[in-house]
N, C-alpha and C. Protein backbone atom coordinates (compact mmCIF):
# COMPACT_ATOMS: atom_id res chain seq x y z
N UNK A 1 -39.33 -15.51 17.77
CA UNK A 1 -38.48 -14.42 17.22
C UNK A 1 -37.71 -14.90 16.04
N UNK A 2 -37.77 -14.38 14.90
CA UNK A 2 -37.15 -14.88 13.70
C UNK A 2 -35.71 -14.53 13.83
N UNK A 3 -34.90 -15.36 13.11
CA UNK A 3 -33.45 -15.18 13.22
C UNK A 3 -33.08 -14.50 11.81
N UNK A 4 -31.94 -13.92 11.74
CA UNK A 4 -31.42 -13.38 10.49
C UNK A 4 -30.58 -14.52 9.74
N UNK A 5 -31.09 -15.22 9.09
CA UNK A 5 -30.36 -16.21 8.38
C UNK A 5 -30.38 -17.58 9.07
N UNK A 6 -30.08 -18.71 8.43
CA UNK A 6 -30.16 -19.95 8.93
C UNK A 6 -28.97 -20.22 9.93
N UNK A 7 -29.18 -20.99 10.98
CA UNK A 7 -28.13 -21.26 11.86
C UNK A 7 -27.29 -22.31 11.40
N UNK A 8 -27.55 -23.10 10.28
CA UNK A 8 -26.80 -24.05 9.84
C UNK A 8 -25.64 -23.50 8.95
N UNK A 9 -25.87 -22.22 8.53
CA UNK A 9 -24.76 -21.57 7.70
C UNK A 9 -23.73 -20.81 8.64
N UNK A 10 -24.01 -20.84 9.96
CA UNK A 10 -23.16 -19.91 10.71
C UNK A 10 -21.73 -20.41 10.83
N UNK A 11 -20.80 -19.29 10.55
CA UNK A 11 -19.44 -19.56 10.60
C UNK A 11 -18.78 -20.16 9.41
N UNK A 12 -19.61 -20.44 8.30
CA UNK A 12 -18.96 -21.15 7.22
C UNK A 12 -18.15 -20.19 6.36
N UNK A 13 -18.41 -18.95 6.11
CA UNK A 13 -17.72 -17.99 5.31
C UNK A 13 -16.35 -17.80 5.91
N UNK A 14 -16.21 -17.56 7.21
CA UNK A 14 -15.04 -17.40 7.98
C UNK A 14 -13.94 -18.51 7.89
N UNK A 15 -14.70 -19.71 7.96
CA UNK A 15 -13.78 -20.87 7.99
C UNK A 15 -13.36 -21.18 6.51
N UNK A 16 -13.94 -20.77 5.40
CA UNK A 16 -13.57 -20.91 4.10
C UNK A 16 -12.47 -19.81 3.68
N UNK A 17 -12.33 -18.69 4.35
CA UNK A 17 -11.47 -17.59 3.93
C UNK A 17 -10.07 -17.96 4.35
N UNK A 18 -9.12 -17.79 3.32
CA UNK A 18 -7.71 -18.27 3.61
C UNK A 18 -7.10 -17.26 4.71
N UNK A 19 -6.18 -17.88 5.50
CA UNK A 19 -5.57 -17.16 6.55
C UNK A 19 -4.41 -16.33 5.71
N UNK A 20 -4.36 -14.95 6.15
CA UNK A 20 -3.37 -14.09 5.77
C UNK A 20 -2.51 -13.54 6.99
N UNK A 21 -1.30 -13.72 6.88
CA UNK A 21 -0.46 -13.29 7.99
C UNK A 21 -0.42 -11.75 7.99
N UNK A 22 -0.48 -11.18 9.26
CA UNK A 22 -0.57 -9.68 9.37
C UNK A 22 0.83 -9.04 8.87
N UNK A 23 0.85 -7.93 8.34
CA UNK A 23 1.94 -7.21 7.95
C UNK A 23 2.75 -6.56 9.16
N UNK A 24 4.10 -6.58 9.22
CA UNK A 24 4.61 -5.91 10.33
C UNK A 24 4.36 -4.47 10.45
N UNK A 25 4.26 -3.88 11.55
CA UNK A 25 3.99 -2.57 11.75
C UNK A 25 5.17 -1.59 11.50
N UNK A 26 5.04 -0.61 10.83
CA UNK A 26 6.23 0.27 10.53
C UNK A 26 6.23 1.58 11.34
N UNK A 27 5.02 2.02 11.92
CA UNK A 27 4.96 3.15 12.75
C UNK A 27 4.77 2.78 14.13
N UNK A 28 5.03 3.72 15.10
CA UNK A 28 4.74 3.48 16.50
C UNK A 28 3.29 3.72 16.72
N UNK A 29 2.77 2.99 17.74
CA UNK A 29 1.29 3.21 18.07
C UNK A 29 1.20 4.67 18.65
N UNK A 30 0.09 5.22 18.70
CA UNK A 30 -0.11 6.64 19.19
C UNK A 30 0.46 6.80 20.70
N UNK A 31 0.17 5.90 21.51
CA UNK A 31 0.75 6.03 22.83
C UNK A 31 2.26 5.96 22.98
N UNK A 32 2.84 5.11 22.19
CA UNK A 32 4.34 5.19 22.40
C UNK A 32 4.91 6.37 21.54
N UNK A 33 4.24 6.83 20.49
CA UNK A 33 4.70 8.05 19.81
C UNK A 33 4.62 9.36 20.83
N UNK A 34 3.54 9.35 21.48
CA UNK A 34 3.36 10.53 22.37
C UNK A 34 4.41 10.40 23.50
N UNK A 35 4.65 9.24 24.06
CA UNK A 35 5.75 9.19 25.10
C UNK A 35 7.15 9.47 24.56
N UNK A 36 7.44 9.10 23.24
CA UNK A 36 8.69 9.39 22.65
C UNK A 36 8.82 10.83 22.60
N UNK A 37 7.80 11.63 22.08
CA UNK A 37 7.67 13.04 21.85
C UNK A 37 8.03 13.75 23.10
N UNK A 38 7.37 13.27 24.22
CA UNK A 38 7.59 13.81 25.61
C UNK A 38 8.93 13.71 26.07
N UNK A 39 9.51 12.57 25.91
CA UNK A 39 10.89 12.35 26.30
C UNK A 39 11.77 13.17 25.48
N UNK A 40 11.56 13.35 24.27
CA UNK A 40 12.53 14.09 23.43
C UNK A 40 12.27 15.61 23.73
N UNK A 41 11.04 16.08 23.97
CA UNK A 41 10.81 17.61 24.13
C UNK A 41 11.07 17.97 25.44
N UNK A 42 10.70 17.17 26.61
CA UNK A 42 10.72 17.68 27.90
C UNK A 42 11.98 17.07 28.66
N UNK A 43 12.00 15.84 28.70
CA UNK A 43 13.06 15.19 29.48
C UNK A 43 14.39 15.56 29.15
N UNK A 44 14.67 15.55 27.74
CA UNK A 44 15.92 15.80 27.13
C UNK A 44 16.17 17.25 26.58
N UNK A 45 15.35 18.04 27.10
CA UNK A 45 15.43 19.48 26.61
C UNK A 45 16.59 20.21 27.19
N UNK A 46 17.19 21.13 26.55
CA UNK A 46 18.28 22.01 27.09
C UNK A 46 17.80 22.76 28.26
N UNK A 47 18.68 23.06 29.23
CA UNK A 47 18.33 23.67 30.45
C UNK A 47 17.57 25.05 30.31
N UNK A 48 18.17 25.83 29.35
CA UNK A 48 17.62 27.17 29.07
C UNK A 48 16.30 27.16 28.40
N UNK A 49 15.91 26.07 27.82
CA UNK A 49 14.68 25.95 27.03
C UNK A 49 13.54 25.38 27.83
N UNK A 50 13.74 25.15 29.13
CA UNK A 50 12.61 24.36 29.85
C UNK A 50 11.48 25.31 30.24
N UNK A 51 11.75 26.59 30.29
CA UNK A 51 10.55 27.37 30.72
C UNK A 51 9.61 27.67 29.56
N UNK A 52 9.88 27.35 28.48
CA UNK A 52 9.05 27.60 27.30
C UNK A 52 9.90 27.99 26.25
N UNK A 53 9.75 27.26 25.14
CA UNK A 53 10.55 27.54 24.00
C UNK A 53 10.49 28.92 23.31
N UNK A 54 9.23 29.23 23.14
CA UNK A 54 9.00 30.54 22.39
C UNK A 54 8.60 31.66 23.15
N UNK A 55 8.64 31.64 24.61
CA UNK A 55 8.27 32.68 25.32
C UNK A 55 9.35 33.53 25.74
N UNK A 56 9.19 34.86 25.77
CA UNK A 56 10.40 35.72 26.21
C UNK A 56 10.16 36.13 27.66
N UNK A 57 11.28 36.30 28.35
CA UNK A 57 11.16 36.62 29.61
C UNK A 57 11.07 38.31 29.64
N UNK A 58 10.12 38.79 30.43
CA UNK A 58 9.90 40.25 30.39
C UNK A 58 10.19 40.75 31.86
N UNK A 59 10.83 41.87 31.78
CA UNK A 59 11.39 42.46 33.04
C UNK A 59 10.54 43.57 33.46
C-alpha cells in the first residue's frame, strides 16, 4: 500500500512552526452563556412574570 508522502518528513513542519500563545477569551462559551441566561430569566425573574412574560391571563 503506497503512503502519502515520505515518512522521513513526518512532523517536520509542525516542529518548525513557532509557538504562539493563545489569546485570552473575551466571550463566555455557549454552555455558560445559556446557563447565565437561564439564571437571569427564570431563577431571578419577578414573581408576577413567572407564568410567561407576554401571555395574558384570560377569564
